Amino acid sequence: MSLTGLFLITFLVVHLAGNLQLLIPDDGQAFNIYGDFMTSNPFIKTTSYGLYFFILLHAVLGFVLWSQNKKAATGANRYAVNNLKGADNNPSLAKNMAALGTIILIFLIIHLYQFWFKMKIGALPDVTYGDQTVANLYEPVYAAFTNIWFVLFYVASMFFLALHLKHGFWSAFQTLGLNHKKYTPIIKFLGLAYSILVPLGFAIIPLYFYVAYS
């Protein structure tokens, strides 16, 4: 669970870097070329299948751990581990990691269908830049991010992602045994910064689109 979580944490940074190209005022050219590269490069394509596997594995493992924990104990200690020395122990977040993960999984399913799946089945129109013709992934992004209800859904999902990451970041290191009085405060700080900045970076994109173009 920790290893798959850390892999997905790394992926989020890469994904955010690509999505930030949506903020370039070029009618989606940079983003469309980036999207074409991500779906046509053999290495990236192979890596992406590994990513889908890790997302599914992380979700399944989360459900298994939640189920085992529910059977093992009752009350406040179902998930929370009390008195973790040097850890940012938050019983409320710990107990609700499964619920937060479920919300994020629902968001991912909708997100993948709305953008990735449509590109894969060839449901998007093409657009040409010079001698390069690519799928116009910018079109459904523009439509979604100028819809107030989808923007609110997206931003709310990033809030839940932030909560999930806040506990999951340090918890992953804790589970791997990387808990030390000297380094734990650094991990806690990095985890807090990451859990704020990365979801905020994702949330800024639809908010920018809605304010600028709707």
C-alpha atoms as a PDB file:
ATOM      1  CA  MET A   1       0.000   0.000   0.000  1.00  0.00           C
ATOM      2  CA  SER A   2       2.827   2.392   0.886  1.00  0.00           C
ATOM      3  CA  LEU A   3       4.866   1.671  -2.242  1.00  0.00           C
ATOM      4  CA  THR A   4       1.915   2.061  -4.605  1.00  0.00           C
ATOM      5  CA  GLY A   5       0.968   5.262  -2.768  1.00  0.00           C
ATOM      6  CA  LEU A   6       4.450   6.744  -3.164  1.00  0.00           C
ATOM      7  CA  PHE A   7       4.436   5.825  -6.860  1.00  0.00           C
ATOM      8  CA  LEU A   8       1.116   7.617  -7.353  1.00  0.00           C
ATOM      9  CA  ILE A   9       2.386  10.609  -5.353  1.00  0.00           C
ATOM     10  CA  THR A  10       5.303  10.875  -7.788  1.00  0.00           C
ATOM     11  CA  PHE A  11       2.968  10.540 -10.764  1.00  0.00           C
ATOM     12  CA  LEU A  12       0.768  13.405  -9.562  1.00  0.00           C
ATOM     13  CA  VAL A  13       3.692  15.830  -9.847  1.00  0.00           C
ATOM     14  CA  VAL A  14       4.364  14.735 -13.437  1.00  0.00           C
ATOM     15  CA  HIS A  15       0.671  14.914 -14.305  1.00  0.00           C
ATOM     16  CA  LEU A  16       0.348  18.392 -12.816  1.00  0.00           C
ATOM     17  CA  ALA A  17       3.372  19.602 -14.806  1.00  0.00           C
ATOM     18  CA  GLY A  18       1.665  18.468 -18.008  1.00  0.00           C
ATOM     19  CA  ASN A  19      -1.709  19.941 -17.083  1.00  0.00           C
ATOM     20  CA  LEU A  20      -0.212  23.322 -16.277  1.00  0.00           C
ATOM     21  CA  GLN A  21       0.286  23.743 -20.036  1.00  0.00           C
ATOM     22  CA  LEU A  22      -3.443  24.415 -20.127  1.00  0.00           C
ATOM     23  CA  LEU A  23      -2.661  27.827 -18.647  1.00  0.00           C
ATOM     24  CA  ILE A  24      -0.633  28.799 -21.746  1.00  0.00           C
ATOM     25  CA  PRO A  25      -2.833  31.151 -23.852  1.00  0.00           C
ATOM     26  CA  ASP A  26      -2.328  29.342 -27.174  1.00  0.00           C
ATOM     27  CA  ASP A  27      -5.795  27.810 -27.697  1.00  0.00           C
ATOM     28  CA  GLY A  28      -4.569  24.463 -26.418  1.00  0.00           C
ATOM     29  CA  GLN A  29      -1.704  23.880 -28.851  1.00  0.00           C
ATOM     30  CA  ALA A  30       0.949  23.042 -26.231  1.00  0.00           C
ATOM     31  CA  PHE A  31      -1.475  20.839 -24.290  1.00  0.00           C
ATOM     32  CA  ASN A  32      -2.666  18.967 -27.402  1.00  0.00           C
ATOM     33  CA  ILE A  33       0.897  18.264 -28.555  1.00  0.00           C
ATOM     34  CA  TYR A  34       1.772  17.128 -25.034  1.00  0.00           C
ATOM     35  CA  GLY A  35      -1.296  14.862 -24.960  1.00  0.00           C
ATOM     36  CA  ASP A  36      -0.364  13.325 -28.299  1.00  0.00           C
ATOM     37  CA  PHE A  37       3.174  12.639 -27.081  1.00  0.00           C
ATOM     38  CA  MET A  38       1.870  11.021 -23.887  1.00  0.00           C
ATOM     39  CA  THR A  39      -0.399   8.678 -25.838  1.00  0.00           C
ATOM     40  CA  SER A  40       1.923   7.814 -28.742  1.00  0.00           C
ATOM     41  CA  ASN A  41       5.386   7.476 -27.211  1.00  0.00           C
ATOM     42  CA  PRO A  42       6.026   3.708 -26.704  1.00  0.00           C
ATOM     43  CA  PHE A  43       7.786   4.159 -23.346  1.00  0.00           C
ATOM     44  CA  ILE A  44       5.098   6.485 -21.983  1.00  0.00           C
ATOM     45  CA  LYS A  45       2.344   4.168 -23.191  1.00  0.00           C
ATOM     46  CA  THR A  46       3.945   1.192 -21.443  1.00  0.00           C
ATOM     47  CA  THR A  47       4.427   3.208 -18.269  1.00  0.00           C
ATOM     48  CA  SER A  48       0.808   4.356 -18.377  1.00  0.00           C
ATOM     49  CA  TYR A  49      -0.462   0.774 -18.272  1.00  0.00           C
ATOM     50  CA  GLY A  50       1.675   0.276 -15.163  1.00  0.00           C
ATOM     51  CA  LEU A  51       0.089   3.395 -13.728  1.00  0.00           C
ATOM     52  CA  TYR A  52      -3.441   2.056 -14.273  1.00  0.00           C
ATOM     53  CA  PHE A  53      -2.409  -1.193 -12.613  1.00  0.00           C
ATOM     54  CA  PHE A  54      -0.980   0.628  -9.585  1.00  0.00           C
ATOM     55  CA  ILE A  55      -4.112   2.766  -9.234  1.00  0.00           C
ATOM     56  CA  LEU A  56      -6.266  -0.352  -9.247  1.00  0.00           C
ATOM     57  CA  LEU A  57      -3.900  -2.198  -6.899  1.00  0.00           C
ATOM     58  CA  HIS A  58      -3.812   0.737  -4.479  1.00  0.00           C
ATOM     59  CA  ALA A  59      -7.630   0.840  -4.437  1.00  0.00           C
ATOM     60  CA  VAL A  60      -7.958  -2.928  -3.930  1.00  0.00           C
ATOM     61  CA  LEU A  61      -5.343  -2.978  -1.168  1.00  0.00           C
ATOM     62  CA  GLY A  62      -7.068  -0.062   0.512  1.00  0.00           C
ATOM     63  CA  PHE A  63     -10.370  -1.940   0.503  1.00  0.00           C
ATOM     64  CA  VAL A  64      -8.710  -5.105   1.837  1.00  0.00           C
ATOM     65  CA  LEU A  65      -7.010  -3.188   4.670  1.00  0.00           C
ATOM     66  CA  TRP A  66     -10.247  -1.403   5.515  1.00  0.00           C
ATOM     67  CA  SER A  67     -12.136  -4.710   5.575  1.00  0.00           C
ATOM     68  CA  GLN A  68      -9.508  -6.437   7.729  1.00  0.00           C
ATOM     69  CA  ASN A  69      -9.348  -3.498  10.104  1.00  0.00           C
ATOM     70  CA  LYS A  70     -13.108  -3.384  10.441  1.00  0.00           C
ATOM     71  CA  LYS A  71     -13.180  -7.049  11.421  1.00  0.00           C
ATOM     72  CA  ALA A  72     -10.226  -6.740  13.781  1.00  0.00           C
ATOM     73  CA  ALA A  73     -11.539  -3.988  16.000  1.00  0.00           C
ATOM     74  CA  THR A  74     -14.506  -1.803  16.733  1.00  0.00           C
ATOM     75  CA  GLY A  75     -15.004   1.809  17.682  1.00  0.00           C
ATOM     76  CA  ALA A  76     -12.385   4.509  17.397  1.00  0.00           C
ATOM     77  CA  ASN A  77      -9.468   2.144  16.855  1.00  0.00           C
ATOM     78  CA  ARG A  78     -10.676   0.523  13.645  1.00  0.00           C
ATOM     79  CA  TYR A  79      -8.108   2.293  11.548  1.00  0.00           C
ATOM     80  CA  ALA A  80      -6.313   4.820  13.718  1.00  0.00           C
ATOM     81  CA  VAL A  81      -2.999   3.831  15.271  1.00  0.00           C
ATOM     82  CA  ASN A  82      -2.598   5.794  18.457  1.00  0.00           C
ATOM     83  CA  ASN A  83       0.587   7.174  19.997  1.00  0.00           C
ATOM     84  CA  LEU A  84       2.754   7.064  16.898  1.00  0.00           C
ATOM     85  CA  LYS A  85       5.982   8.556  18.150  1.00  0.00           C
ATOM     86  CA  GLY A  86       7.057  11.462  15.972  1.00  0.00           C
ATOM     87  CA  ALA A  87       4.165  11.035  13.530  1.00  0.00           C
ATOM     88  CA  ASP A  88       1.494  13.521  12.608  1.00  0.00           C
ATOM     89  CA  ASN A  89      -1.147  11.282  14.100  1.00  0.00           C
ATOM     90  CA  ASN A  90      -4.618  12.324  12.993  1.00  0.00           C
ATOM     91  CA  PRO A  91      -7.195   9.694  14.005  1.00  0.00           C
ATOM     92  CA  SER A  92      -9.978  11.463  12.121  1.00  0.00           C
ATOM     93  CA  LEU A  93      -8.115  11.357   8.800  1.00  0.00           C
ATOM     94  CA  ALA A  94      -6.822   7.856   9.478  1.00  0.00           C
ATOM     95  CA  LYS A  95     -10.277   6.462  10.123  1.00  0.00           C
ATOM     96  CA  ASN A  96     -11.665   8.080   6.974  1.00  0.00           C
ATOM     97  CA  MET A  97      -8.901   7.160   4.507  1.00  0.00           C
ATOM     98  CA  ALA A  98     -11.113   4.501   2.894  1.00  0.00           C
ATOM     99  CA  ALA A  99     -13.975   6.972   2.412  1.00  0.00           C
ATOM    100  CA  LEU A 100     -11.606   9.604   1.018  1.00  0.00           C
ATOM    101  CA  GLY A 101     -10.058   7.014  -1.290  1.00  0.00           C
ATOM    102  CA  THR A 102     -13.501   6.006  -2.554  1.00  0.00           C
ATOM    103  CA  ILE A 103     -14.367   9.619  -3.415  1.00  0.00           C
ATOM    104  CA  ILE A 104     -11.064  10.000  -5.255  1.00  0.00           C
ATOM    105  CA  LEU A 105     -11.639   6.728  -7.141  1.00  0.00           C
ATOM    106  CA  ILE A 106     -15.056   7.953  -8.308  1.00  0.00           C
ATOM    107  CA  PHE A 107     -13.428  11.180  -9.469  1.00  0.00           C
ATOM    108  CA  LEU A 108     -10.740   9.214 -11.347  1.00  0.00           C
ATOM    109  CA  ILE A 109     -13.320   7.076 -13.156  1.00  0.00           C
ATOM    110  CA  ILE A 110     -15.210  10.173 -14.315  1.00  0.00           C
ATOM    111  CA  HIS A 111     -11.958  11.959 -15.162  1.00  0.00           C
ATOM    112  CA  LEU A 112     -10.597   9.067 -17.224  1.00  0.00           C
ATOM    113  CA  TYR A 113     -13.884   8.609 -19.083  1.00  0.00           C
ATOM    114  CA  GLN A 114     -14.275  12.277 -19.888  1.00  0.00           C
ATOM    115  CA  PHE A 115     -10.768  12.788 -21.244  1.00  0.00           C
ATOM    116  CA  TRP A 116      -8.551   9.695 -21.627  1.00  0.00           C
ATOM    117  CA  PHE A 117     -11.258   7.267 -22.822  1.00  0.00           C
ATOM    118  CA  LYS A 118     -12.616   9.654 -25.437  1.00  0.00           C
ATOM    119  CA  MET A 119      -9.123  10.077 -26.853  1.00  0.00           C
ATOM    120  CA  LYS A 120      -8.537   6.325 -26.887  1.00  0.00           C
ATOM    121  CA  ILE A 121     -11.705   5.519 -28.844  1.00  0.00           C
ATOM    122  CA  GLY A 122     -11.095   8.327 -31.332  1.00  0.00           C
ATOM    123  CA  ALA A 123     -14.130  10.349 -30.244  1.00  0.00           C
ATOM    124  CA  LEU A 124     -12.237  13.635 -30.342  1.00  0.00           C
ATOM    125  CA  PRO A 125     -11.842  15.828 -33.443  1.00  0.00           C
ATOM    126  CA  ASP A 126      -8.378  16.325 -34.913  1.00  0.00           C
ATOM    127  CA  VAL A 127      -6.500  19.588 -35.032  1.00  0.00           C
ATOM    128  CA  THR A 128      -3.451  20.404 -37.170  1.00  0.00           C
ATOM    129  CA  TYR A 129      -0.404  22.422 -36.163  1.00  0.00           C
ATOM    130  CA  GLY A 130       1.921  22.850 -39.117  1.00  0.00           C
ATOM    131  CA  ASP A 131       2.509  19.317 -40.413  1.00  0.00           C
ATOM    132  CA  GLN A 132       1.386  17.621 -37.177  1.00  0.00           C
ATOM    133  CA  THR A 133      -2.195  16.416 -36.714  1.00  0.00           C
ATOM    134  CA  VAL A 134      -3.276  15.456 -33.198  1.00  0.00           C
ATOM    135  CA  ALA A 135      -6.469  14.804 -31.273  1.00  0.00           C
ATOM    136  CA  ASN A 136      -8.021  17.953 -29.854  1.00  0.00           C
ATOM    137  CA  LEU A 137      -7.992  16.985 -26.157  1.00  0.00           C
ATOM    138  CA  TYR A 138      -8.249  20.668 -25.296  1.00  0.00           C
ATOM    139  CA  GLU A 139     -11.858  20.720 -26.558  1.00  0.00           C
ATOM    140  CA  PRO A 140     -13.432  18.497 -23.823  1.00  0.00           C
ATOM    141  CA  VAL A 141     -11.203  20.144 -21.218  1.00  0.00           C
ATOM    142  CA  TYR A 142     -12.495  23.572 -22.250  1.00  0.00           C
ATOM    143  CA  ALA A 143     -16.103  22.330 -22.180  1.00  0.00           C
ATOM    144  CA  ALA A 144     -15.700  20.763 -18.735  1.00  0.00           C
ATOM    145  CA  PHE A 145     -13.810  23.637 -17.132  1.00  0.00           C
ATOM    146  CA  THR A 146     -16.313  26.254 -18.267  1.00  0.00           C
ATOM    147  CA  ASN A 147     -19.146  24.277 -16.647  1.00  0.00           C
ATOM    148  CA  ILE A 148     -19.627  25.551 -13.091  1.00  0.00           C
ATOM    149  CA  TRP A 149     -20.917  22.216 -11.787  1.00  0.00           C
ATOM    150  CA  PHE A 150     -17.941  20.285 -13.075  1.00  0.00           C
ATOM    151  CA  VAL A 151     -15.575  22.955 -11.776  1.00  0.00           C
ATOM    152  CA  LEU A 152     -17.110  22.675  -8.304  1.00  0.00           C
ATOM    153  CA  PHE A 153     -16.934  18.882  -8.468  1.00  0.00           C
ATOM    154  CA  TYR A 154     -13.287  19.028  -9.558  1.00  0.00           C
ATOM    155  CA  VAL A 155     -12.256  21.506  -6.869  1.00  0.00           C
ATOM    156  CA  ALA A 156     -14.109  19.552  -4.165  1.00  0.00           C
ATOM    157  CA  SER A 157     -12.357  16.370  -5.327  1.00  0.00           C
ATOM    158  CA  MET A 158      -8.991  18.120  -5.001  1.00  0.00           C
ATOM    159  CA  PHE A 159      -9.909  19.072  -1.426  1.00  0.00           C
ATOM    160  CA  PHE A 160     -10.564  15.414  -0.605  1.00  0.00           C
ATOM    161  CA  LEU A 161      -7.340  14.477  -2.395  1.00  0.00           C
ATOM    162  CA  ALA A 162      -5.471  16.946  -0.176  1.00  0.00           C
ATOM    163  CA  LEU A 163      -6.857  15.282   2.955  1.00  0.00           C
ATOM    164  CA  HIS A 164      -5.987  11.829   1.609  1.00  0.00           C
ATOM    165  CA  LEU A 165      -2.443  12.928   0.790  1.00  0.00           C
ATOM    166  CA  LYS A 166      -1.929  14.689   4.120  1.00  0.00           C
ATOM    167  CA  HIS A 167      -2.263  11.413   5.983  1.00  0.00           C
ATOM    168  CA  GLY A 168      -1.011   9.127   3.214  1.00  0.00           C
ATOM    169  CA  PHE A 169       2.315  10.893   2.636  1.00  0.00           C
ATOM    170  CA  TRP A 170       3.792  10.507   6.113  1.00  0.00           C
ATOM    171  CA  SER A 171       1.929   7.234   6.692  1.00  0.00           C
ATOM    172  CA  ALA A 172       3.747   5.657   3.734  1.00  0.00           C
ATOM    173  CA  PHE A 173       7.142   6.510   5.223  1.00  0.00           C
ATOM    174  CA  GLN A 174       5.964   5.401   8.667  1.00  0.00           C
ATOM    175  CA  THR A 175       4.859   2.020   7.299  1.00  0.00           C
ATOM    176  CA  LEU A 176       8.212   1.535   5.576  1.00  0.00           C
ATOM    177  CA  GLY A 177       9.934   2.071   8.920  1.00  0.00           C
ATOM    178  CA  LEU A 178      11.367   5.478   7.996  1.00  0.00           C
ATOM    179  CA  ASN A 179      10.468   7.089  11.291  1.00  0.00           C
ATOM    180  CA  HIS A 180      13.244   8.977  13.070  1.00  0.00           C
ATOM    181  CA  LYS A 181      13.164  11.948  15.439  1.00  0.00           C
ATOM    182  CA  LYS A 182      15.575  13.810  13.144  1.00  0.00           C
ATOM    183  CA  TYR A 183      13.899  13.114   9.801  1.00  0.00           C
ATOM    184  CA  THR A 184      10.219  12.712  10.711  1.00  0.00           C
ATOM    185  CA  PRO A 185       9.644  16.491  11.123  1.00  0.00           C
ATOM    186  CA  ILE A 186      11.096  17.021   7.630  1.00  0.00           C
ATOM    187  CA  ILE A 187       8.841  14.310   6.180  1.00  0.00           C
ATOM    188  CA  LYS A 188       5.854  15.851   7.967  1.00  0.00           C
ATOM    189  CA  PHE A 189       6.663  19.296   6.532  1.00  0.00           C
ATOM    190  CA  LEU A 190       7.166  17.953   3.000  1.00  0.00           C
ATOM    191  CA  GLY A 191       3.958  15.948   3.282  1.00  0.00           C
ATOM    192  CA  LEU A 192       1.965  18.970   4.400  1.00  0.00           C
ATOM    193  CA  ALA A 193       3.460  21.167   1.667  1.00  0.00           C
ATOM    194  CA  TYR A 194       2.834  18.506  -0.975  1.00  0.00           C
ATOM    195  CA  SER A 195      -0.746  17.848   0.162  1.00  0.00           C
ATOM    196  CA  ILE A 196      -1.508  21.566  -0.165  1.00  0.00           C
ATOM    197  CA  LEU A 197       0.450  22.648  -3.234  1.00  0.00           C
ATOM    198  CA  VAL A 198      -0.255  19.756  -5.614  1.00  0.00           C
ATOM    199  CA  PRO A 199      -4.067  19.618  -5.184  1.00  0.00           C
ATOM    200  CA  LEU A 200      -4.094  23.430  -5.237  1.00  0.00           C
ATOM    201  CA  GLY A 201      -2.170  23.371  -8.508  1.00  0.00           C
ATOM    202  CA  PHE A 202      -4.760  21.057 -10.044  1.00  0.00           C
ATOM    203  CA  ALA A 203      -7.674  23.110  -8.662  1.00  0.00           C
ATOM    204  CA  ILE A 204      -6.303  26.389 -10.046  1.00  0.00           C
ATOM    205  CA  ILE A 205      -6.640  25.137 -13.637  1.00  0.00           C
ATOM    206  CA  PRO A 206     -10.468  24.737 -13.794  1.00  0.00           C
ATOM    207  CA  LEU A 207     -10.922  27.881 -11.688  1.00  0.00           C
ATOM    208  CA  TYR A 208      -8.768  29.833 -14.144  1.00  0.00           C
ATOM    209  CA  PHE A 209     -10.701  28.460 -17.115  1.00  0.00           C
ATOM    210  CA  TYR A 210     -14.064  29.298 -15.602  1.00  0.00           C
ATOM    211  CA  VAL A 211     -13.078  32.861 -14.696  1.00  0.00           C
ATOM    212  CA  ALA A 212     -11.254  33.523 -17.960  1.00  0.00           C
ATOM    213  CA  TYR A 213     -13.537  31.872 -20.517  1.00  0.00           C
ATOM    214  CA  SER A 214     -17.056  31.287 -19.183  1.00  0.00           C
END
